[in-house]
N, C-alpha and C. Protein backbone atom coordinates (compact mmCIF):
# COMPACT_ATOMS: atom_id res chain seq x y z
N MET A 1 -1.80 17.32 -16.38
CA MET A 1 -1.03 17.69 -15.25
C MET A 1 -0.80 16.18 -14.51
N THR A 2 0.75 16.05 -13.85
CA THR A 2 0.90 15.05 -13.08
C THR A 2 0.48 14.80 -11.92
N SER A 3 0.37 13.58 -11.47
CA SER A 3 0.01 13.24 -10.21
C SER A 3 0.74 14.24 -8.81
N PRO A 4 0.23 14.62 -8.06
CA PRO A 4 1.14 15.17 -6.96
C PRO A 4 1.63 14.49 -6.09
N VAL A 5 3.07 15.06 -5.75
CA VAL A 5 3.73 14.39 -4.92
C VAL A 5 3.35 14.58 -3.75
N TYR A 6 3.11 13.89 -2.49
CA TYR A 6 2.86 14.11 -1.33
C TYR A 6 4.02 13.61 -0.74
N LYS A 7 4.45 14.75 0.58
CA LYS A 7 5.32 14.83 1.52
C LYS A 7 5.30 14.61 2.64
N LEU A 8 5.86 14.13 3.50
CA LEU A 8 5.79 13.87 4.91
C LEU A 8 7.07 14.15 5.69
N ILE A 9 7.15 14.69 6.72
CA ILE A 9 8.42 15.14 7.40
C ILE A 9 8.14 14.52 8.89
N VAL A 10 9.05 13.44 9.77
CA VAL A 10 8.45 12.80 10.54
C VAL A 10 9.88 13.15 11.74
N ASN A 11 9.45 13.77 12.79
CA ASN A 11 10.74 13.82 13.67
C ASN A 11 10.03 12.79 14.85
N ASN A 12 11.27 12.57 15.56
CA ASN A 12 11.14 11.50 16.70
C ASN A 12 11.90 12.27 17.85
N GLU A 13 11.06 12.74 18.59
CA GLU A 13 11.65 13.81 19.48
C GLU A 13 10.98 13.00 20.73
N SER A 14 11.06 11.30 20.83
CA SER A 14 10.42 10.59 21.90
C SER A 14 11.87 10.18 22.50
N THR A 15 11.37 9.31 23.29
CA THR A 15 12.87 8.73 24.08
C THR A 15 13.19 7.19 23.68
N THR A 16 12.03 7.05 22.73
CA THR A 16 12.13 5.27 22.13
C THR A 16 12.42 5.21 20.80
N GLU A 17 12.98 4.17 20.23
CA GLU A 17 13.21 3.70 18.68
C GLU A 17 12.04 2.84 18.41
N GLY A 18 11.58 3.07 17.07
CA GLY A 18 10.75 2.21 16.42
C GLY A 18 10.76 2.46 15.05
N ASP A 19 9.28 1.42 14.35
CA ASP A 19 9.49 1.98 13.09
C ASP A 19 8.21 3.17 12.66
N VAL A 20 8.30 3.65 12.01
CA VAL A 20 7.10 4.94 11.64
C VAL A 20 6.75 3.93 10.20
N LEU A 21 5.58 3.72 9.94
CA LEU A 21 4.87 3.22 9.46
C LEU A 21 3.58 3.73 8.77
N ILE A 22 3.62 3.73 7.28
CA ILE A 22 2.43 4.61 6.77
C ILE A 22 1.72 3.60 5.80
N PHE A 23 0.47 3.84 5.96
CA PHE A 23 -0.24 2.79 5.20
C PHE A 23 -1.86 3.40 4.98
N CYS A 24 -2.37 3.10 4.21
CA CYS A 24 -3.89 3.18 3.41
C CYS A 24 -4.83 2.65 4.59
N GLN A 25 -6.24 3.01 4.46
CA GLN A 25 -7.33 2.89 5.06
C GLN A 25 -7.68 1.60 4.33
N LYS A 26 -8.43 0.34 4.91
CA LYS A 26 -8.61 -0.75 4.44
C LYS A 26 -9.73 -0.42 3.15
N PRO A 27 -9.51 -0.81 2.20
CA PRO A 27 -10.38 -0.29 1.04
C PRO A 27 -11.71 -1.41 1.23
N ASP A 28 -12.77 -1.06 0.28
CA ASP A 28 -13.86 -1.89 0.08
C ASP A 28 -13.36 -3.52 -0.93
N ALA A 29 -13.85 -4.24 -0.15
CA ALA A 29 -13.09 -5.48 -0.82
C ALA A 29 -14.20 -6.60 -1.12
N ASN A 30 -14.15 -7.54 -2.06
CA ASN A 30 -15.11 -8.50 -2.02
C ASN A 30 -15.07 -9.85 -1.32
N THR A 31 -14.07 -9.88 -0.36
CA THR A 31 -13.15 -10.93 0.34
C THR A 31 -12.89 -10.13 1.51
N PRO A 32 -13.41 -10.50 2.62
CA PRO A 32 -12.85 -10.29 3.86
C PRO A 32 -11.71 -10.57 4.37
N ASP A 33 -10.70 -11.39 3.57
CA ASP A 33 -9.43 -11.93 4.29
C ASP A 33 -8.43 -10.71 3.56
N ILE A 34 -8.52 -9.71 2.86
CA ILE A 34 -7.74 -9.05 2.16
C ILE A 34 -6.85 -8.31 3.14
N GLN A 35 -5.81 -7.90 3.17
CA GLN A 35 -4.58 -7.40 4.15
C GLN A 35 -4.11 -6.32 4.05
N THR A 36 -4.02 -5.62 4.96
CA THR A 36 -3.42 -3.89 4.85
C THR A 36 -1.74 -4.03 5.15
N TYR A 37 -1.29 -3.37 4.34
CA TYR A 37 0.25 -3.64 4.54
C TYR A 37 0.94 -2.08 4.58
N ALA A 38 1.94 -1.85 5.45
CA ALA A 38 2.22 -0.37 5.08
C ALA A 38 3.57 -0.48 4.19
N TRP A 39 2.84 0.28 3.53
CA TRP A 39 4.13 0.56 2.00
C TRP A 39 5.19 1.31 2.12
N LEU A 40 5.38 2.24 3.00
CA LEU A 40 6.14 3.01 3.44
C LEU A 40 6.70 2.85 4.79
N SER A 41 7.91 2.63 5.35
CA SER A 41 8.11 2.00 6.55
C SER A 41 10.02 2.82 6.82
N LYS A 42 9.79 3.12 8.24
CA LYS A 42 11.98 3.40 8.59
C LYS A 42 11.85 3.55 10.16
N PHE A 43 13.05 2.79 9.89
CA PHE A 43 13.17 2.76 11.38
C PHE A 43 14.00 4.24 12.08
N LEU A 44 13.28 4.79 13.30
CA LEU A 44 13.70 6.06 13.54
C LEU A 44 14.25 5.73 15.18
N TYR A 45 15.75 6.11 15.28
CA TYR A 45 16.13 6.36 16.78
C TYR A 45 15.54 7.93 17.25
N PRO A 46 15.80 7.92 18.37
CA PRO A 46 15.10 9.20 18.96
C PRO A 46 16.36 10.20 18.66
N GLY A 47 15.72 11.05 18.47
CA GLY A 47 16.11 12.49 17.69
C GLY A 47 16.27 12.32 16.32
N VAL A 48 16.04 11.31 15.68
CA VAL A 48 16.05 11.37 14.48
C VAL A 48 14.98 11.96 13.13
N LYS A 49 15.35 12.45 12.31
CA LYS A 49 14.55 13.06 11.29
C LYS A 49 14.35 12.07 10.09
N ALA A 50 13.40 11.78 9.59
CA ALA A 50 13.06 11.31 8.28
C ALA A 50 11.90 11.93 7.50
N ASP A 51 12.43 11.79 5.56
CA ASP A 51 11.36 12.25 4.88
C ASP A 51 10.88 11.59 4.02
N PHE A 52 9.57 11.51 3.94
CA PHE A 52 8.84 10.42 2.98
C PHE A 52 8.27 11.44 1.63
N SER A 53 8.07 10.56 0.52
CA SER A 53 7.39 11.30 -0.28
C SER A 53 6.70 9.89 -1.26
N TRP A 54 5.70 10.40 -1.91
CA TRP A 54 4.78 9.15 -3.06
C TRP A 54 4.04 10.07 -3.57
N GLN A 55 3.66 9.44 -4.77
CA GLN A 55 2.20 9.81 -5.82
C GLN A 55 1.42 8.66 -5.22
N MET A 56 0.28 8.94 -5.70
CA MET A 56 -0.86 8.25 -5.86
C MET A 56 -1.22 7.40 -7.18
N GLN A 57 -0.15 6.28 -7.14
CA GLN A 57 0.30 5.48 -8.15
C GLN A 57 -0.23 4.02 -8.09
N TRP A 58 -1.38 3.63 -8.14
CA TRP A 58 -1.49 2.10 -8.22
C TRP A 58 -1.30 1.33 -9.00
N ALA A 59 -0.95 0.12 -8.64
CA ALA A 59 -0.28 -0.81 -9.39
C ALA A 59 -0.97 -2.20 -8.96
N PHE A 60 -1.29 -3.23 -10.01
CA PHE A 60 -1.62 -4.58 -9.51
C PHE A 60 -0.15 -5.32 -9.34
N MET A 61 -0.57 -6.19 -7.99
CA MET A 61 0.66 -6.78 -7.98
C MET A 61 0.44 -8.34 -7.10
N TRP A 62 1.18 -9.22 -7.86
CA TRP A 62 1.68 -10.41 -6.83
C TRP A 62 2.79 -10.93 -6.39
N LYS A 63 2.90 -11.41 -5.45
CA LYS A 63 4.10 -11.89 -4.84
C LYS A 63 3.98 -13.47 -4.54
N GLN A 64 4.81 -14.20 -4.83
CA GLN A 64 4.96 -15.53 -4.43
C GLN A 64 5.43 -15.97 -3.03
N ILE A 65 4.93 -16.79 -2.27
CA ILE A 65 4.99 -16.90 -0.72
C ILE A 65 5.01 -18.44 -0.77
N ASN A 66 5.79 -18.57 0.48
CA ASN A 66 5.97 -20.14 0.82
C ASN A 66 6.85 -20.74 0.01
N SER A 67 8.28 -19.85 -0.48
CA SER A 67 8.70 -20.68 -1.80
C SER A 67 10.30 -19.89 -1.40
N ILE A 68 11.11 -20.74 -1.52
CA ILE A 68 12.49 -20.56 -1.75
C ILE A 68 13.00 -19.52 -2.96
N ASN A 69 12.48 -19.69 -3.80
CA ASN A 69 12.40 -18.75 -4.87
C ASN A 69 11.27 -17.62 -5.00
N GLU A 70 11.59 -16.57 -4.52
CA GLU A 70 10.99 -15.60 -4.33
C GLU A 70 10.70 -14.78 -5.90
N SER A 71 9.29 -14.32 -6.13
CA SER A 71 9.10 -13.46 -7.26
C SER A 71 8.20 -12.61 -7.39
N GLN A 72 8.23 -11.77 -7.72
CA GLN A 72 7.00 -10.87 -7.84
C GLN A 72 6.75 -9.94 -9.22
N GLN A 73 5.86 -9.47 -9.30
CA GLN A 73 5.22 -8.91 -10.62
C GLN A 73 4.37 -7.64 -10.18
N ILE A 74 4.70 -6.41 -10.70
CA ILE A 74 4.08 -5.07 -10.85
C ILE A 74 3.69 -4.75 -11.82
N VAL A 75 2.25 -4.44 -12.26
CA VAL A 75 1.92 -3.73 -13.53
C VAL A 75 0.96 -2.34 -12.88
N PRO A 76 1.59 -1.55 -13.56
CA PRO A 76 0.87 0.12 -13.35
C PRO A 76 -1.04 -0.16 -13.62
N THR A 77 -1.52 0.82 -13.16
CA THR A 77 -2.88 0.77 -13.26
C THR A 77 -3.40 1.86 -12.96
N ASP A 78 -4.73 2.26 -13.45
CA ASP A 78 -5.32 3.27 -12.65
C ASP A 78 -6.67 3.01 -12.31
N LEU A 79 -7.57 3.94 -11.74
CA LEU A 79 -9.28 3.80 -11.73
C LEU A 79 -9.82 3.80 -12.91
N GLN A 80 -9.79 4.55 -14.13
CA GLN A 80 -10.42 4.72 -14.97
C GLN A 80 -10.80 3.54 -16.07
N THR A 81 -9.40 3.24 -16.70
CA THR A 81 -9.36 2.47 -18.01
C THR A 81 -8.78 1.24 -17.60
N ASN A 82 -7.47 0.89 -17.45
CA ASN A 82 -6.75 -0.20 -17.45
C ASN A 82 -6.77 -0.92 -16.05
N ASN A 83 -8.52 -0.86 -15.36
CA ASN A 83 -8.38 -1.25 -14.41
C ASN A 83 -8.71 -2.78 -14.15
N LYS A 84 -8.54 -3.79 -14.77
CA LYS A 84 -8.81 -5.27 -15.01
C LYS A 84 -7.89 -6.05 -15.39
N ILE A 85 -7.28 -6.86 -14.70
CA ILE A 85 -6.32 -8.02 -14.96
C ILE A 85 -6.36 -9.41 -14.78
N THR A 86 -5.79 -10.04 -15.34
CA THR A 86 -5.73 -11.53 -15.11
C THR A 86 -4.42 -12.25 -14.25
N LEU A 87 -4.75 -12.92 -13.46
CA LEU A 87 -3.72 -14.08 -12.75
C LEU A 87 -3.66 -14.76 -13.52
N ASP A 88 -2.45 -15.82 -14.15
CA ASP A 88 -2.37 -16.93 -14.36
C ASP A 88 -1.06 -17.48 -13.82
N TYR A 89 -1.36 -19.30 -14.26
CA TYR A 89 0.10 -19.94 -13.59
C TYR A 89 0.37 -20.83 -14.74
N ASP A 90 1.76 -20.82 -15.15
CA ASP A 90 2.16 -21.83 -16.13
C ASP A 90 2.80 -22.93 -14.99
N SER A 91 2.16 -24.16 -15.03
CA SER A 91 2.37 -25.10 -14.16
C SER A 91 3.78 -25.89 -14.91
N GLY A 92 3.74 -25.83 -16.06
CA GLY A 92 5.46 -26.36 -16.59
C GLY A 92 6.47 -25.64 -16.01
N HIS A 93 6.53 -24.55 -15.94
CA HIS A 93 7.59 -23.71 -15.29
C HIS A 93 7.63 -23.26 -14.20
N GLN A 94 6.31 -23.61 -13.29
CA GLN A 94 5.78 -23.21 -12.03
C GLN A 94 6.11 -21.61 -11.97
N ALA A 95 5.53 -21.08 -12.59
CA ALA A 95 5.35 -19.55 -12.82
C ALA A 95 4.02 -18.75 -12.92
N PHE A 96 3.98 -17.83 -12.02
CA PHE A 96 2.77 -16.95 -12.23
C PHE A 96 2.76 -15.85 -12.98
N HIS A 97 2.23 -15.07 -13.64
CA HIS A 97 2.22 -13.88 -14.37
C HIS A 97 0.98 -13.58 -14.66
N PHE A 98 0.89 -12.07 -15.15
CA PHE A 98 -0.38 -11.34 -15.47
C PHE A 98 -0.64 -11.38 -16.64
N ALA A 99 -1.88 -11.01 -17.26
CA ALA A 99 -1.81 -11.30 -18.44
C ALA A 99 -3.54 -9.99 -18.73
N ASP A 100 -3.76 -10.16 -19.89
CA ASP A 100 -5.08 -9.56 -20.39
C ASP A 100 -5.30 -8.29 -19.57
N GLN A 101 -4.59 -7.35 -19.50
CA GLN A 101 -4.84 -5.95 -18.75
C GLN A 101 -5.78 -5.37 -19.80
N VAL A 102 -6.95 -5.15 -19.18
CA VAL A 102 -8.31 -4.22 -20.22
C VAL A 102 -8.86 -3.68 -19.23
N GLN A 103 -9.98 -2.97 -19.74
CA GLN A 103 -10.77 -1.86 -18.89
C GLN A 103 -11.89 -2.70 -17.79
N GLY A 104 -12.12 -2.34 -17.04
CA GLY A 104 -12.64 -3.34 -15.79
C GLY A 104 -14.13 -2.75 -16.24
N ASP A 105 -15.13 -3.62 -15.70
CA ASP A 105 -17.05 -3.25 -15.34
C ASP A 105 -17.08 -1.57 -14.88
N SER A 106 -16.33 -1.03 -14.06
CA SER A 106 -16.87 0.04 -13.40
C SER A 106 -15.51 0.89 -12.92
N PRO A 107 -15.51 2.19 -13.27
CA PRO A 107 -14.42 2.68 -12.80
C PRO A 107 -14.50 3.54 -11.17
N GLY A 108 -13.12 3.45 -10.84
CA GLY A 108 -13.10 3.53 -9.13
C GLY A 108 -12.68 2.14 -8.73
N SER A 109 -12.88 1.18 -9.29
CA SER A 109 -12.74 -0.25 -8.65
C SER A 109 -11.57 -0.88 -9.59
N LEU A 110 -10.91 -1.73 -8.87
CA LEU A 110 -9.84 -2.33 -9.70
C LEU A 110 -10.36 -4.00 -9.47
N TYR A 111 -9.90 -4.54 -10.60
CA TYR A 111 -10.34 -6.16 -11.01
C TYR A 111 -9.08 -6.99 -11.07
N ILE A 112 -8.99 -8.14 -10.12
CA ILE A 112 -8.28 -9.36 -10.65
C ILE A 112 -9.10 -10.68 -10.70
N GLU A 113 -8.85 -11.35 -12.06
CA GLU A 113 -9.45 -12.45 -12.28
C GLU A 113 -8.37 -13.44 -11.83
N GLU A 114 -8.32 -14.78 -10.94
CA GLU A 114 -7.66 -15.46 -10.76
C GLU A 114 -8.10 -16.85 -11.93
N SER A 115 -7.20 -17.12 -12.41
CA SER A 115 -7.47 -18.55 -13.59
C SER A 115 -7.62 -19.56 -13.04
N ALA A 116 -8.14 -20.96 -13.52
CA ALA A 116 -8.43 -22.20 -13.02
C ALA A 116 -6.97 -22.77 -12.55
N ASN A 117 -5.85 -21.96 -13.24
CA ASN A 117 -4.48 -23.09 -12.90
C ASN A 117 -3.88 -22.71 -11.80
N VAL A 118 -4.14 -20.98 -11.25
CA VAL A 118 -3.72 -20.56 -10.01
C VAL A 118 -3.67 -21.28 -8.85
N PRO A 119 -2.56 -22.30 -8.18
CA PRO A 119 -2.41 -22.65 -7.08
C PRO A 119 -2.84 -22.23 -5.45
N SER A 120 -3.52 -22.80 -4.92
CA SER A 120 -3.58 -21.97 -3.45
C SER A 120 -2.60 -21.71 -2.49
N GLY A 121 -2.17 -20.82 -1.64
CA GLY A 121 -1.33 -21.16 -0.98
C GLY A 121 -0.15 -20.52 -1.63
N MET A 122 0.09 -20.17 -2.47
CA MET A 122 1.48 -19.91 -2.95
C MET A 122 2.10 -18.80 -3.41
N ALA A 123 0.86 -18.12 -3.50
CA ALA A 123 1.09 -16.56 -3.79
C ALA A 123 0.11 -15.68 -3.37
N GLN A 124 0.39 -14.20 -3.05
CA GLN A 124 -0.57 -13.40 -2.65
C GLN A 124 -0.58 -12.44 -4.06
N VAL A 125 -2.09 -11.72 -3.78
CA VAL A 125 -2.53 -11.09 -5.13
C VAL A 125 -3.09 -10.09 -4.78
N GLY A 126 -2.74 -8.63 -5.40
CA GLY A 126 -3.76 -7.49 -4.89
C GLY A 126 -3.00 -6.04 -5.43
N LEU A 127 -3.14 -4.91 -4.64
CA LEU A 127 -2.54 -3.47 -5.00
C LEU A 127 -1.06 -3.41 -4.75
N ALA A 128 -0.32 -2.37 -5.49
CA ALA A 128 0.77 -2.02 -4.89
C ALA A 128 0.73 -0.72 -5.12
N LEU A 129 1.31 0.35 -4.21
CA LEU A 129 1.09 2.01 -3.93
C LEU A 129 2.56 2.45 -3.96
N SER A 130 2.87 3.33 -4.88
CA SER A 130 4.34 3.92 -5.25
C SER A 130 5.21 2.35 -5.30
N GLY A 131 4.83 1.42 -5.93
CA GLY A 131 5.78 0.37 -6.20
C GLY A 131 5.78 -0.43 -4.79
N HIS A 132 5.46 -0.66 -3.74
CA HIS A 132 5.44 -1.36 -2.31
C HIS A 132 3.94 -1.71 -2.09
N PRO A 133 3.93 -3.28 -1.72
CA PRO A 133 2.46 -3.96 -1.38
C PRO A 133 1.85 -2.70 -0.08
N ALA A 134 0.41 -2.75 -0.44
CA ALA A 134 -0.61 -2.27 -0.07
C ALA A 134 -1.76 -2.90 0.42
N PHE A 135 -2.22 -3.96 -0.53
CA PHE A 135 -3.77 -4.52 0.02
C PHE A 135 -3.04 -5.93 -0.62
N LEU A 136 -2.76 -7.21 0.14
CA LEU A 136 -3.13 -8.72 -0.33
C LEU A 136 -4.18 -9.37 -0.21
N VAL A 137 -3.86 -10.42 -0.81
CA VAL A 137 -5.17 -11.39 -0.11
C VAL A 137 -4.15 -12.95 -0.76
N ASN A 138 -4.51 -14.06 -0.56
CA ASN A 138 -3.95 -15.30 -0.74
C ASN A 138 -4.63 -15.64 -1.84
N CYS A 139 -3.52 -16.48 -2.96
CA CYS A 139 -4.32 -16.66 -4.06
C CYS A 139 -5.18 -17.88 -4.12
N GLN A 140 -6.49 -18.24 -4.99
CA GLN A 140 -7.33 -19.17 -5.16
C GLN A 140 -7.60 -19.26 -6.49
N PRO A 141 -7.78 -20.58 -6.72
CA PRO A 141 -7.90 -20.56 -8.49
C PRO A 141 -9.43 -20.00 -8.67
N ASN A 142 -9.84 -19.59 -9.58
CA ASN A 142 -11.04 -19.16 -9.86
C ASN A 142 -11.79 -18.13 -9.33
N MET A 143 -11.02 -17.52 -8.32
CA MET A 143 -11.36 -16.35 -7.40
C MET A 143 -11.32 -14.82 -8.40
N ASN A 144 -12.00 -14.22 -8.12
CA ASN A 144 -12.23 -12.82 -8.71
C ASN A 144 -12.38 -11.98 -7.11
N VAL A 145 -11.22 -11.04 -7.56
CA VAL A 145 -10.96 -9.71 -6.62
C VAL A 145 -11.24 -8.43 -6.97
N VAL A 146 -12.16 -8.07 -6.10
CA VAL A 146 -12.66 -6.55 -6.66
C VAL A 146 -12.25 -5.32 -5.30
N ILE A 147 -11.38 -4.87 -5.78
CA ILE A 147 -10.93 -3.50 -4.90
C ILE A 147 -11.13 -2.00 -5.11
N THR A 148 -12.05 -1.57 -4.07
CA THR A 148 -11.88 -0.28 -4.29
C THR A 148 -11.42 0.65 -3.09
N PRO A 149 -10.32 1.32 -3.46
CA PRO A 149 -9.59 1.76 -2.38
C PRO A 149 -10.21 3.16 -1.82
N LYS A 150 -9.62 3.40 -0.68
CA LYS A 150 -9.90 4.77 0.08
C LYS A 150 -8.68 5.25 0.43
N PRO A 151 -8.29 6.49 -0.61
CA PRO A 151 -7.07 6.98 -0.47
C PRO A 151 -6.64 7.89 0.88
N SER A 152 -7.29 7.28 1.97
CA SER A 152 -6.80 8.14 3.21
C SER A 152 -5.53 7.63 3.78
N TYR A 153 -4.39 8.44 4.25
CA TYR A 153 -3.30 7.91 4.82
C TYR A 153 -3.02 7.72 6.17
N PHE A 154 -2.88 6.74 6.94
CA PHE A 154 -2.68 6.76 8.17
C PHE A 154 -0.63 6.41 8.86
N LEU A 155 -0.54 6.98 9.73
CA LEU A 155 0.85 6.81 10.56
C LEU A 155 0.61 6.28 11.74
N MET A 156 1.73 5.37 11.97
CA MET A 156 1.71 5.22 13.31
C MET A 156 3.22 5.06 13.54
N PHE A 157 3.59 4.77 14.99
CA PHE A 157 5.04 4.24 15.06
C PHE A 157 5.16 3.54 16.16
N GLY A 158 5.82 2.30 16.10
CA GLY A 158 6.00 1.18 17.34
C GLY A 158 6.85 0.04 16.63
N ILE A 159 6.96 -0.90 17.13
CA ILE A 159 7.78 -2.31 16.68
C ILE A 159 6.99 -3.05 15.84
N HIS A 160 7.51 -3.02 14.45
CA HIS A 160 6.92 -3.94 13.27
C HIS A 160 7.88 -5.04 13.05
N GLU A 161 8.05 -6.23 13.64
CA GLU A 161 9.20 -6.97 13.34
C GLU A 161 9.32 -7.83 11.71
N ASP A 162 7.85 -8.26 11.75
CA ASP A 162 8.08 -9.36 10.51
C ASP A 162 7.44 -8.75 9.38
N ASN A 163 7.21 -7.35 9.06
CA ASN A 163 7.19 -6.84 8.13
C ASN A 163 5.28 -7.63 7.56
N GLY A 164 4.82 -7.53 8.49
CA GLY A 164 3.48 -8.27 7.83
C GLY A 164 2.24 -7.42 7.83
N PRO A 165 1.12 -7.97 7.99
CA PRO A 165 -0.06 -7.15 7.59
C PRO A 165 -0.09 -6.11 8.92
N ILE A 166 -0.76 -5.07 8.82
CA ILE A 166 -1.12 -4.11 9.84
C ILE A 166 -2.36 -4.85 10.59
N SER A 167 -2.19 -4.95 11.73
CA SER A 167 -3.34 -5.40 12.34
C SER A 167 -4.29 -4.51 13.51
N ILE A 168 -5.43 -4.79 13.52
CA ILE A 168 -6.49 -4.07 13.96
C ILE A 168 -5.83 -3.17 15.33
N ASP A 169 -4.95 -4.04 15.97
CA ASP A 169 -4.51 -3.25 17.23
C ASP A 169 -4.02 -2.09 16.86
N GLN A 170 -3.07 -1.88 15.84
CA GLN A 170 -2.29 -1.14 15.18
C GLN A 170 -3.16 -0.18 14.76
N TYR A 171 -3.85 -0.50 13.82
CA TYR A 171 -5.15 0.54 13.32
C TYR A 171 -5.35 1.42 14.44
N SER A 172 -6.17 0.98 15.37
CA SER A 172 -6.51 1.91 16.58
C SER A 172 -5.51 2.97 17.00
N LYS A 173 -4.17 2.78 16.86
CA LYS A 173 -3.02 3.57 17.33
C LYS A 173 -2.55 4.39 16.25
N ALA A 174 -2.99 4.15 15.42
CA ALA A 174 -2.99 5.17 14.09
C ALA A 174 -3.33 6.54 13.98
N VAL A 175 -2.67 7.69 13.48
CA VAL A 175 -2.83 8.95 13.39
C VAL A 175 -3.15 9.09 11.82
N ALA A 176 -4.53 10.19 11.60
CA ALA A 176 -4.74 10.33 10.45
C ALA A 176 -3.62 11.18 9.68
N LEU A 177 -3.56 11.03 8.24
CA LEU A 177 -2.75 12.17 7.83
C LEU A 177 -3.44 12.94 6.80
N ASN A 178 -4.29 14.19 7.20
CA ASN A 178 -5.42 14.86 6.71
C ASN A 178 -4.56 16.02 5.80
N TYR A 179 -4.06 15.58 4.09
CA TYR A 179 -3.64 16.42 3.57
C TYR A 179 -5.19 17.79 2.97
N PRO A 180 -4.66 18.95 3.57
CA PRO A 180 -6.22 20.05 3.12
C PRO A 180 -6.06 19.91 1.41
N PRO A 181 -6.97 20.62 0.93
CA PRO A 181 -6.83 20.91 -0.52
C PRO A 181 -5.40 21.65 -0.85
N ASN A 182 -4.78 20.88 -1.82
CA ASN A 182 -3.77 22.07 -2.43
C ASN A 182 -2.63 22.31 -1.66
N ILE A 183 -2.88 21.29 -0.47
CA ILE A 183 -1.46 21.22 0.44
C ILE A 183 -1.18 19.71 0.31
N TYR A 184 0.07 19.68 0.00
CA TYR A 184 0.74 18.61 -0.23
C TYR A 184 1.96 17.90 0.36
N SER A 185 2.37 18.86 2.09
CA SER A 185 3.12 18.40 2.59
C SER A 185 3.12 18.46 4.16
N LEU A 186 3.19 17.60 4.83
CA LEU A 186 2.84 18.01 6.04
C LEU A 186 4.21 17.32 6.95
N THR A 187 4.17 17.99 8.22
CA THR A 187 5.29 17.50 9.46
C THR A 187 4.22 16.71 10.82
N ALA A 188 5.15 15.66 10.87
CA ALA A 188 4.41 14.72 12.22
C ALA A 188 5.85 14.63 12.97
N THR A 189 5.07 14.77 14.43
CA THR A 189 6.24 14.78 15.55
C THR A 189 5.79 14.05 16.49
N ILE A 190 6.83 12.66 17.03
CA ILE A 190 6.31 12.07 17.80
C ILE A 190 7.11 12.56 18.94
N HIS A 191 6.07 12.94 20.14
CA HIS A 191 6.29 13.72 21.58
C HIS A 191 7.11 12.38 22.17
N GLN A 192 7.71 12.98 23.23
CA GLN A 192 8.16 12.32 24.54
C GLN A 192 7.05 11.16 25.07
N ASP A 193 5.52 11.68 25.36
CA ASP A 193 4.81 10.72 25.59
C ASP A 193 4.41 9.93 25.08
N GLY A 194 4.59 9.75 23.46
CA GLY A 194 4.36 8.82 22.47
C GLY A 194 3.34 9.25 21.74
N ASN A 195 2.78 10.41 21.95
CA ASN A 195 1.69 10.73 21.08
C ASN A 195 2.23 11.79 19.55
N ILE A 196 1.48 11.65 19.18
CA ILE A 196 2.03 12.12 17.57
C ILE A 196 0.93 13.33 17.13
N SER A 197 1.39 14.60 17.07
CA SER A 197 0.87 15.69 16.36
C SER A 197 1.55 16.01 14.42
N VAL A 198 0.48 16.29 14.26
CA VAL A 198 0.64 16.36 12.60
C VAL A 198 0.39 17.82 12.10
N GLU A 199 0.96 18.51 11.57
CA GLU A 199 1.10 19.84 10.96
C GLU A 199 1.09 19.96 9.52
N ASN A 200 0.23 21.24 9.13
CA ASN A 200 0.51 21.50 7.76
C ASN A 200 2.26 21.94 7.51
N SER A 201 2.78 21.79 6.65
CA SER A 201 3.95 22.31 6.10
C SER A 201 4.12 23.29 4.98
N PRO A 202 4.43 24.28 4.97
CA PRO A 202 4.43 25.69 4.04
C PRO A 202 4.94 25.10 2.56
N LEU A 203 4.69 23.97 1.95
CA LEU A 203 5.26 23.57 0.49
C LEU A 203 3.68 23.27 -0.36
N LEU A 204 3.38 23.69 -1.31
CA LEU A 204 2.50 23.80 -2.17
C LEU A 204 2.81 22.51 -3.28
N PHE A 205 2.25 21.99 -4.12
CA PHE A 205 2.30 21.29 -5.10
C PHE A 205 2.30 22.38 -6.41
N THR A 206 3.29 21.68 -7.38
CA THR A 206 3.01 22.77 -8.60
C THR A 206 3.74 21.30 -9.44
N ASP A 207 2.73 21.66 -10.89
CA ASP A 207 3.20 20.74 -11.76
C ASP A 207 4.04 20.86 -12.42
N GLU A 208 5.29 19.72 -12.71
CA GLU A 208 6.30 19.39 -12.92
C GLU A 208 6.40 18.94 -14.26
N SER A 209 5.12 18.90 -14.79
CA SER A 209 5.41 18.02 -15.86
C SER A 209 5.99 18.99 -17.37
């Protein structure tokens, strides 16, 4: 059976334009510096409807920062088998790369080992969801990152200008997207007062494999 496709319809019935942001609950991690990112987003004007869809497909990810030569790598993973990987750095070519993907110590968590060659402050490493950054932390040599995701989805509407991490203030304004058992489609409405309501949509998941 394939992973279910989650769907979300968002109707902006308010009088304000802004960014619709979808993100996951902050995971359990062995570093307090890990940051949460909106891995799906769309700018909506009043009266506009947007459709979102995704699957619960985790991947290891690194992306270079503080450089004019932007680069990144995304490697699919799962919570059971291929859940451990090493981040290395080729100083001769100034290139980050993943290596040695294996089974980690415990299922349910994802493990990233950063080699002694990894420079500080040049990249971020963590997890992507459906091909987009979800949780990232700044790289350091010899740092081991352990992340245990919590697959709870949240939606918020507002202005998010810098594509940066989700702030604590934004967390407090977010609305939970609670998908009932065997229901994989929701409709969210942004009302004129700015409040957001979420209702089930009459769409069931079917195995398309």
